[in-house]
């Protein structure tokens, strides 16, 4: 599981880019102190985070490349996922 949190506009995440193997099942969990969509680019998956309601995106990493995960409304980059 890849986790990130956002509070007061500041992103806290273990690293800026996570490498995953092609074919791996991946779960992303984002907590945010404001209501905002979380978007996984390239896979075009979006879900909403809200205070007290973390967003989760689960997907199979079947497309190789580097993909951004961002707060959609503010355009804030959370991290990247590199599928190899």
PDB file of N, CA and C in Angstrom:
ATOM      1  N   UNK A   1       0.845  -1.183   0.000  1.00  0.00           N
ATOM      2  CA  UNK A   1       0.000   0.000   0.000  1.00  0.00           C
ATOM      3  C   UNK A   1       0.889   1.244   0.000  1.00  0.00           C
ATOM      4  N   UNK A   2       0.505   2.195  -0.818  1.00  0.00           N
ATOM      5  CA  UNK A   2       1.196   3.484  -0.877  1.00  0.00           C
ATOM      6  C   UNK A   2       0.291   4.496  -0.193  1.00  0.00           C
ATOM      7  N   UNK A   3       0.832   5.193   0.808  1.00  0.00           N
ATOM      8  CA  UNK A   3       0.018   6.145   1.567  1.00  0.00           C
ATOM      9  C   UNK A   3       0.610   7.546   1.497  1.00  0.00           C
ATOM     10  N   UNK A   4      -0.282   8.517   1.436  1.00  0.00           N
ATOM     11  CA  UNK A   4       0.102   9.929   1.477  1.00  0.00           C
ATOM     12  C   UNK A   4      -0.956  10.674   2.276  1.00  0.00           C
ATOM     13  N   UNK A   5      -0.542  11.768   2.890  1.00  0.00           N
ATOM     14  CA  UNK A   5      -1.500  12.619   3.590  1.00  0.00           C
ATOM     15  C   UNK A   5      -1.233  14.073   3.230  1.00  0.00           C
ATOM     16  N   UNK A   6      -2.309  14.851   3.296  1.00  0.00           N
ATOM     17  CA  UNK A   6      -2.222  16.272   2.989  1.00  0.00           C
ATOM     18  C   UNK A   6      -2.892  17.033   4.122  1.00  0.00           C
ATOM     19  N   UNK A   7      -2.174  17.990   4.694  1.00  0.00           N
ATOM     20  CA  UNK A   7      -2.712  18.827   5.759  1.00  0.00           C
ATOM     21  C   UNK A   7      -2.206  20.249   5.547  1.00  0.00           C
ATOM     22  N   UNK A   8      -3.121  21.182   5.477  1.00  0.00           N
ATOM     23  CA  UNK A   8      -2.738  22.573   5.280  1.00  0.00           C
ATOM     24  C   UNK A   8      -1.976  22.800   3.988  1.00  0.00           C
ATOM     25  N   UNK A   9      -2.234  21.961   2.983  1.00  0.00           N
ATOM     26  CA  UNK A   9      -1.561  22.098   1.699  1.00  0.00           C
ATOM     27  C   UNK A   9      -0.201  21.432   1.630  1.00  0.00           C
ATOM     28  N   UNK A  10       0.257  20.837   2.745  1.00  0.00           N
ATOM     29  CA  UNK A  10       1.552  20.171   2.782  1.00  0.00           C
ATOM     30  C   UNK A  10       1.375  18.669   2.606  1.00  0.00           C
ATOM     31  N   UNK A  11       2.100  18.113   1.649  1.00  0.00           N
ATOM     32  CA  UNK A  11       2.028  16.690   1.348  1.00  0.00           C
ATOM     33  C   UNK A  11       3.078  15.941   2.166  1.00  0.00           C
ATOM     34  N   UNK A  12       2.645  14.859   2.796  1.00  0.00           N
ATOM     35  CA  UNK A  12       3.556  13.976   3.505  1.00  0.00           C
ATOM     36  C   UNK A  12       3.467  12.602   2.853  1.00  0.00           C
ATOM     37  N   UNK A  13       4.589  12.145   2.325  1.00  0.00           N
ATOM     38  CA  UNK A  13       4.645  10.848   1.650  1.00  0.00           C
ATOM     39  C   UNK A  13       6.061  10.300   1.821  1.00  0.00           C
ATOM     40  N   UNK A  14       6.190   8.988   1.846  1.00  0.00           N
ATOM     41  CA  UNK A  14       7.476   8.337   2.098  1.00  0.00           C
ATOM     42  C   UNK A  14       8.534   8.678   1.051  1.00  0.00           C
ATOM     43  N   UNK A  15       8.128   8.768  -0.217  1.00  0.00           N
ATOM     44  CA  UNK A  15       9.066   9.106  -1.285  1.00  0.00           C
ATOM     45  C   UNK A  15       8.310   9.753  -2.440  1.00  0.00           C
ATOM     46  N   UNK A  16       9.053  10.344  -3.366  1.00  0.00           N
ATOM     47  CA  UNK A  16       8.440  11.048  -4.490  1.00  0.00           C
ATOM     48  C   UNK A  16       8.021  10.124  -5.624  1.00  0.00           C
ATOM     49  N   UNK A  17       8.689   8.964  -5.730  1.00  0.00           N
ATOM     50  CA  UNK A  17       8.374   8.006  -6.800  1.00  0.00           C
ATOM     51  C   UNK A  17       8.444   6.593  -6.232  1.00  0.00           C
ATOM     52  N   UNK A  18       7.404   5.824  -6.537  1.00  0.00           N
ATOM     53  CA  UNK A  18       7.331   4.433  -6.110  1.00  0.00           C
ATOM     54  C   UNK A  18       7.435   3.544  -7.339  1.00  0.00           C
ATOM     55  N   UNK A  19       8.310   2.541  -7.289  1.00  0.00           N
ATOM     56  CA  UNK A  19       8.430   1.580  -8.374  1.00  0.00           C
ATOM     57  C   UNK A  19       7.587   0.361  -8.048  1.00  0.00           C
ATOM     58  N   UNK A  20       6.797  -0.086  -9.032  1.00  0.00           N
ATOM     59  CA  UNK A  20       6.012  -1.305  -8.865  1.00  0.00           C
ATOM     60  C   UNK A  20       6.220  -2.184 -10.096  1.00  0.00           C
ATOM     61  N   UNK A  21       6.109  -3.472  -9.885  1.00  0.00           N
ATOM     62  CA  UNK A  21       6.283  -4.419 -10.984  1.00  0.00           C
ATOM     63  C   UNK A  21       5.032  -4.454 -11.844  1.00  0.00           C
ATOM     64  N   UNK A  22       5.247  -4.558 -13.154  1.00  0.00           N
ATOM     65  CA  UNK A  22       4.111  -4.697 -14.065  1.00  0.00           C
ATOM     66  C   UNK A  22       3.318  -5.931 -13.660  1.00  0.00           C
ATOM     67  N   UNK A  23       2.006  -5.775 -13.559  1.00  0.00           N
ATOM     68  CA  UNK A  23       1.114  -6.853 -13.157  1.00  0.00           C
ATOM     69  C   UNK A  23       0.781  -6.864 -11.678  1.00  0.00           C
ATOM     70  N   UNK A  24       1.465  -6.032 -10.888  1.00  0.00           N
ATOM     71  CA  UNK A  24       1.221  -5.989  -9.441  1.00  0.00           C
ATOM     72  C   UNK A  24      -0.116  -5.316  -9.134  1.00  0.00           C
ATOM     73  N   UNK A  25      -0.750  -5.772  -8.066  1.00  0.00           N
ATOM     74  CA  UNK A  25      -1.944  -5.100  -7.551  1.00  0.00           C
ATOM     75  C   UNK A  25      -1.484  -4.012  -6.597  1.00  0.00           C
ATOM     76  N   UNK A  26      -1.970  -2.803  -6.806  1.00  0.00           N
ATOM     77  CA  UNK A  26      -1.518  -1.636  -6.043  1.00  0.00           C
ATOM     78  C   UNK A  26      -2.721  -0.974  -5.383  1.00  0.00           C
ATOM     79  N   UNK A  27      -2.519  -0.543  -4.127  1.00  0.00           N
ATOM     80  CA  UNK A  27      -3.533   0.233  -3.421  1.00  0.00           C
ATOM     81  C   UNK A  27      -2.896   1.542  -2.989  1.00  0.00           C
ATOM     82  N   UNK A  28      -3.560   2.632  -3.323  1.00  0.00           N
ATOM     83  CA  UNK A  28      -3.130   3.972  -2.922  1.00  0.00           C
ATOM     84  C   UNK A  28      -4.160   4.489  -1.918  1.00  0.00           C
ATOM     85  N   UNK A  29      -3.692   5.017  -0.787  1.00  0.00           N
ATOM     86  CA  UNK A  29      -4.596   5.616   0.191  1.00  0.00           C
ATOM     87  C   UNK A  29      -4.111   7.036   0.483  1.00  0.00           C
ATOM     88  N   UNK A  30      -5.027   7.988   0.332  1.00  0.00           N
ATOM     89  CA  UNK A  30      -4.695   9.398   0.555  1.00  0.00           C
ATOM     90  C   UNK A  30      -5.671   9.990   1.562  1.00  0.00           C
ATOM     91  N   UNK A  31      -5.128  10.603   2.612  1.00  0.00           N
ATOM     92  CA  UNK A  31      -5.949  11.361   3.546  1.00  0.00           C
ATOM     93  C   UNK A  31      -5.716  12.832   3.266  1.00  0.00           C
ATOM     94  N   UNK A  32      -6.787  13.618   3.335  1.00  0.00           N
ATOM     95  CA  UNK A  32      -6.711  15.040   3.012  1.00  0.00           C
ATOM     96  C   UNK A  32      -7.591  15.794   3.999  1.00  0.00           C
ATOM     97  N   UNK A  33      -7.167  16.995   4.373  1.00  0.00           N
ATOM     98  CA  UNK A  33      -7.962  17.782   5.318  1.00  0.00           C
ATOM     99  C   UNK A  33      -9.009  18.650   4.619  1.00  0.00           C
ATOM    100  N   UNK A  34      -9.098  18.546   3.300  1.00  0.00           N
ATOM    101  CA  UNK A  34     -10.153  19.215   2.536  1.00  0.00           C
ATOM    102  C   UNK A  34     -10.742  18.208   1.548  1.00  0.00           C
ATOM    103  N   UNK A  35     -11.947  18.471   1.080  1.00  0.00           N
ATOM    104  CA  UNK A  35     -12.558  17.594   0.094  1.00  0.00           C
ATOM    105  C   UNK A  35     -11.976  17.896  -1.277  1.00  0.00           C
ATOM    106  N   UNK A  36     -11.437  16.862  -1.917  1.00  0.00           N
ATOM    107  CA  UNK A  36     -10.804  17.068  -3.218  1.00  0.00           C
ATOM    108  C   UNK A  36     -10.631  15.723  -3.916  1.00  0.00           C
ATOM    109  N   UNK A  37     -10.797  15.680  -5.238  1.00  0.00           N
ATOM    110  CA  UNK A  37     -10.570  14.440  -5.981  1.00  0.00           C
ATOM    111  C   UNK A  37      -9.081  14.091  -6.037  1.00  0.00           C
ATOM    112  N   UNK A  38      -8.788  12.794  -5.956  1.00  0.00           N
ATOM    113  CA  UNK A  38      -7.447  12.264  -6.143  1.00  0.00           C
ATOM    114  C   UNK A  38      -7.451  11.569  -7.503  1.00  0.00           C
ATOM    115  N   UNK A  39      -6.465  11.880  -8.346  1.00  0.00           N
ATOM    116  CA  UNK A  39      -6.454  11.358  -9.714  1.00  0.00           C
ATOM    117  C   UNK A  39      -5.153  10.620  -9.996  1.00  0.00           C
ATOM    118  N   UNK A  40      -5.276   9.395 -10.503  1.00  0.00           N
ATOM    119  CA  UNK A  40      -4.135   8.619 -10.987  1.00  0.00           C
ATOM    120  C   UNK A  40      -4.102   8.769 -12.503  1.00  0.00           C
ATOM    121  N   UNK A  41      -3.169   9.573 -12.986  1.00  0.00           N
ATOM    122  CA  UNK A  41      -3.053   9.825 -14.422  1.00  0.00           C
ATOM    123  C   UNK A  41      -2.580   8.573 -15.146  1.00  0.00           C
ATOM    124  N   UNK A  42      -2.900   8.485 -16.418  1.00  0.00           N
ATOM    125  CA  UNK A  42      -2.497   7.354 -17.230  1.00  0.00           C
ATOM    126  C   UNK A  42      -3.465   6.186 -17.127  1.00  0.00           C
ATOM    127  N   UNK A  43      -3.960   5.950 -15.933  1.00  0.00           N
ATOM    128  CA  UNK A  43      -4.983   4.926 -15.719  1.00  0.00           C
ATOM    129  C   UNK A  43      -6.364   5.572 -15.655  1.00  0.00           C
ATOM    130  N   UNK A  44      -6.374   6.901 -15.562  1.00  0.00           N
ATOM    131  CA  UNK A  44      -7.599   7.693 -15.527  1.00  0.00           C
ATOM    132  C   UNK A  44      -8.575   7.208 -14.447  1.00  0.00           C
ATOM    133  N   UNK A  45      -8.042   7.042 -13.240  1.00  0.00           N
ATOM    134  CA  UNK A  45      -8.855   6.646 -12.096  1.00  0.00           C
ATOM    135  C   UNK A  45      -8.908   7.835 -11.148  1.00  0.00           C
ATOM    136  N   UNK A  46     -10.105   8.149 -10.688  1.00  0.00           N
ATOM    137  CA  UNK A  46     -10.290   9.286  -9.786  1.00  0.00           C
ATOM    138  C   UNK A  46     -11.269   8.900  -8.688  1.00  0.00           C
ATOM    139  N   UNK A  47     -10.976   9.368  -7.484  1.00  0.00           N
ATOM    140  CA  UNK A  47     -11.877   9.160  -6.352  1.00  0.00           C
ATOM    141  C   UNK A  47     -11.743  10.358  -5.428  1.00  0.00           C
ATOM    142  N   UNK A  48     -12.722  10.557  -4.566  1.00  0.00           N
ATOM    143  CA  UNK A  48     -12.739  11.737  -3.699  1.00  0.00           C
ATOM    144  C   UNK A  48     -12.198  11.434  -2.309  1.00  0.00           C
ATOM    145  N   UNK A  49     -11.408  12.369  -1.806  1.00  0.00           N
ATOM    146  CA  UNK A  49     -10.976  12.348  -0.411  1.00  0.00           C
ATOM    147  C   UNK A  49     -11.696  13.486   0.299  1.00  0.00           C
ATOM    148  N   UNK A  50     -11.945  13.292   1.577  1.00  0.00           N
ATOM    149  CA  UNK A  50     -12.578  14.321   2.399  1.00  0.00           C
ATOM    150  C   UNK A  50     -12.065  14.147   3.828  1.00  0.00           C
ATOM    151  N   UNK A  51     -12.132  15.194   4.628  1.00  0.00           N
ATOM    152  CA  UNK A  51     -11.694  15.056   6.012  1.00  0.00           C
ATOM    153  C   UNK A  51     -12.395  13.875   6.688  1.00  0.00           C
ATOM    154  N   UNK A  52     -11.589  12.990   7.268  1.00  0.00           N
ATOM    155  CA  UNK A  52     -12.131  11.817   7.947  1.00  0.00           C
ATOM    156  C   UNK A  52     -12.522  10.680   7.018  1.00  0.00           C
ATOM    157  N   UNK A  53     -12.378  10.871   5.700  1.00  0.00           N
ATOM    158  CA  UNK A  53     -12.722   9.840   4.717  1.00  0.00           C
ATOM    159  C   UNK A  53     -11.589   9.700   3.705  1.00  0.00           C
ATOM    160  N   UNK A  54     -10.592   8.876   4.018  1.00  0.00           N
ATOM    161  CA  UNK A  54      -9.480   8.705   3.078  1.00  0.00           C
ATOM    162  C   UNK A  54      -9.959   8.169   1.734  1.00  0.00           C
ATOM    163  N   UNK A  55      -9.268   8.566   0.690  1.00  0.00           N
ATOM    164  CA  UNK A  55      -9.551   8.061  -0.654  1.00  0.00           C
ATOM    165  C   UNK A  55      -8.684   6.837  -0.891  1.00  0.00           C
ATOM    166  N   UNK A  56      -9.253   5.836  -1.553  1.00  0.00           N
ATOM    167  CA  UNK A  56      -8.471   4.659  -1.938  1.00  0.00           C
ATOM    168  C   UNK A  56      -8.649   4.378  -3.423  1.00  0.00           C
ATOM    169  N   UNK A  57      -7.532   4.112  -4.054  1.00  0.00           N
ATOM    170  CA  UNK A  57      -7.529   3.690  -5.453  1.00  0.00           C
ATOM    171  C   UNK A  57      -6.827   2.342  -5.492  1.00  0.00           C
ATOM    172  N   UNK A  58      -7.516   1.334  -5.986  1.00  0.00           N
ATOM    173  CA  UNK A  58      -6.926   0.006  -6.167  1.00  0.00           C
ATOM    174  C   UNK A  58      -6.916  -0.296  -7.663  1.00  0.00           C
ATOM    175  N   UNK A  59      -5.774  -0.770  -8.159  1.00  0.00           N
ATOM    176  CA  UNK A  59      -5.673  -1.067  -9.587  1.00  0.00           C
ATOM    177  C   UNK A  59      -4.581  -2.093  -9.817  1.00  0.00           C
ATOM    178  N   UNK A  60      -4.615  -2.711 -10.984  1.00  0.00           N
ATOM    179  CA  UNK A  60      -3.547  -3.603 -11.410  1.00  0.00           C
ATOM    180  C   UNK A  60      -2.622  -2.809 -12.322  1.00  0.00           C
ATOM    181  N   UNK A  61      -1.347  -2.790 -11.981  1.00  0.00           N
ATOM    182  CA  UNK A  61      -0.348  -2.000 -12.713  1.00  0.00           C
ATOM    183  C   UNK A  61       0.026  -2.739 -13.995  1.00  0.00           C
ATOM    184  N   UNK A  62      -0.849  -2.662 -14.992  1.00  0.00           N
ATOM    185  CA  UNK A  62      -0.630  -3.413 -16.227  1.00  0.00           C
ATOM    186  C   UNK A  62      -0.164  -2.551 -17.395  1.00  0.00           C
ATOM    187  N   UNK A  63       0.028  -1.260 -17.167  1.00  0.00           N
ATOM    188  CA  UNK A  63       0.519  -0.355 -18.204  1.00  0.00           C
ATOM    189  C   UNK A  63       1.872   0.194 -17.739  1.00  0.00           C
ATOM    190  N   UNK A  64       2.959  -0.095 -18.460  1.00  0.00           N
ATOM    191  CA  UNK A  64       4.260   0.417 -18.035  1.00  0.00           C
ATOM    192  C   UNK A  64       4.381   1.920 -18.271  1.00  0.00           C
ATOM    193  N   UNK A  65       5.178   2.563 -17.426  1.00  0.00           N
ATOM    194  CA  UNK A  65       5.427   3.991 -17.565  1.00  0.00           C
ATOM    195  C   UNK A  65       5.472   4.667 -16.208  1.00  0.00           C
ATOM    196  N   UNK A  66       5.517   5.990 -16.241  1.00  0.00           N
ATOM    197  CA  UNK A  66       5.532   6.800 -15.020  1.00  0.00           C
ATOM    198  C   UNK A  66       4.243   7.609 -14.985  1.00  0.00           C
ATOM    199  N   UNK A  67       3.537   7.519 -13.863  1.00  0.00           N
ATOM    200  CA  UNK A  67       2.213   8.117 -13.739  1.00  0.00           C
ATOM    201  C   UNK A  67       2.132   8.972 -12.484  1.00  0.00           C
ATOM    202  N   UNK A  68       1.540  10.155 -12.629  1.00  0.00           N
ATOM    203  CA  UNK A  68       1.367  11.069 -11.496  1.00  0.00           C
ATOM    204  C   UNK A  68       0.091  10.745 -10.728  1.00  0.00           C
ATOM    205  N   UNK A  69       0.178  10.910  -9.425  1.00  0.00           N
ATOM    206  CA  UNK A  69      -0.998  10.890  -8.559  1.00  0.00           C
ATOM    207  C   UNK A  69      -1.092  12.296  -7.996  1.00  0.00           C
ATOM    208  N   UNK A  70      -2.224  12.964  -8.223  1.00  0.00           N
ATOM    209  CA  UNK A  70      -2.319  14.358  -7.811  1.00  0.00           C
ATOM    210  C   UNK A  70      -3.678  14.688  -7.216  1.00  0.00           C
ATOM    211  N   UNK A  71      -3.689  15.802  -6.488  1.00  0.00           N
ATOM    212  CA  UNK A  71      -4.943  16.404  -6.050  1.00  0.00           C
ATOM    213  C   UNK A  71      -5.484  17.134  -7.273  1.00  0.00           C
ATOM    214  N   UNK A  72      -6.580  16.678  -7.788  1.00  0.00           N
ATOM    215  CA  UNK A  72      -7.062  17.143  -9.085  1.00  0.00           C
ATOM    216  C   UNK A  72      -7.414  18.629  -9.105  1.00  0.00           C
ATOM    217  N   UNK A  73      -8.136  19.122  -8.116  1.00  0.00           N
ATOM    218  CA  UNK A  73      -8.584  20.522  -8.137  1.00  0.00           C
ATOM    219  C   UNK A  73      -7.431  21.514  -8.012  1.00  0.00           C
ATOM    220  N   UNK A  74      -6.502  21.237  -7.100  1.00  0.00           N
ATOM    221  CA  UNK A  74      -5.402  22.175  -6.873  1.00  0.00           C
ATOM    222  C   UNK A  74      -4.203  21.898  -7.772  1.00  0.00           C
ATOM    223  N   UNK A  75      -4.169  20.704  -8.410  1.00  0.00           N
ATOM    224  CA  UNK A  75      -3.031  20.354  -9.251  1.00  0.00           C
ATOM    225  C   UNK A  75      -1.787  19.999  -8.459  1.00  0.00           C
ATOM    226  N   UNK A  76      -1.943  19.694  -7.175  1.00  0.00           N
ATOM    227  CA  UNK A  76      -0.816  19.356  -6.315  1.00  0.00           C
ATOM    228  C   UNK A  76      -0.362  17.927  -6.585  1.00  0.00           C
ATOM    229  N   UNK A  77       0.893  17.764  -6.952  1.00  0.00           N
ATOM    230  CA  UNK A  77       1.468  16.449  -7.168  1.00  0.00           C
ATOM    231  C   UNK A  77       1.706  15.775  -5.819  1.00  0.00           C
ATOM    232  N   UNK A  78       1.174  14.565  -5.659  1.00  0.00           N
ATOM    233  CA  UNK A  78       1.413  13.803  -4.434  1.00  0.00           C
ATOM    234  C   UNK A  78       2.663  12.950  -4.574  1.00  0.00           C
ATOM    235  N   UNK A  79       2.731  12.167  -5.657  1.00  0.00           N
ATOM    236  CA  UNK A  79       3.881  11.318  -5.947  1.00  0.00           C
ATOM    237  C   UNK A  79       3.691  10.731  -7.345  1.00  0.00           C
ATOM    238  N   UNK A  80       4.704   9.999  -7.780  1.00  0.00           N
ATOM    239  CA  UNK A  80       4.633   9.297  -9.059  1.00  0.00           C
ATOM    240  C   UNK A  80       4.743   7.805  -8.816  1.00  0.00           C
ATOM    241  N   UNK A  81       4.136   7.044  -9.727  1.00  0.00           N
ATOM    242  CA  UNK A  81       4.267   5.585  -9.712  1.00  0.00           C
ATOM    243  C   UNK A  81       4.940   5.185 -11.020  1.00  0.00           C
ATOM    244  N   UNK A  82       6.032   4.414 -10.895  1.00  0.00           N
ATOM    245  CA  UNK A  82       6.719   3.900 -12.074  1.00  0.00           C
ATOM    246  C   UNK A  82       6.436   2.416 -12.179  1.00  0.00           C
ATOM    247  N   UNK A  83       5.781   2.028 -13.251  1.00  0.00           N
ATOM    248  CA  UNK A  83       5.453   0.631 -13.494  1.00  0.00           C
ATOM    249  C   UNK A  83       6.492   0.064 -14.451  1.00  0.00           C
ATOM    250  N   UNK A  84       7.200  -0.991 -13.989  1.00  0.00           N
ATOM    251  CA  UNK A  84       8.283  -1.601 -14.785  1.00  0.00           C
ATOM    252  C   UNK A  84       8.009  -3.068 -14.995  1.00  0.00           C
TER     253      UNK A  84
END
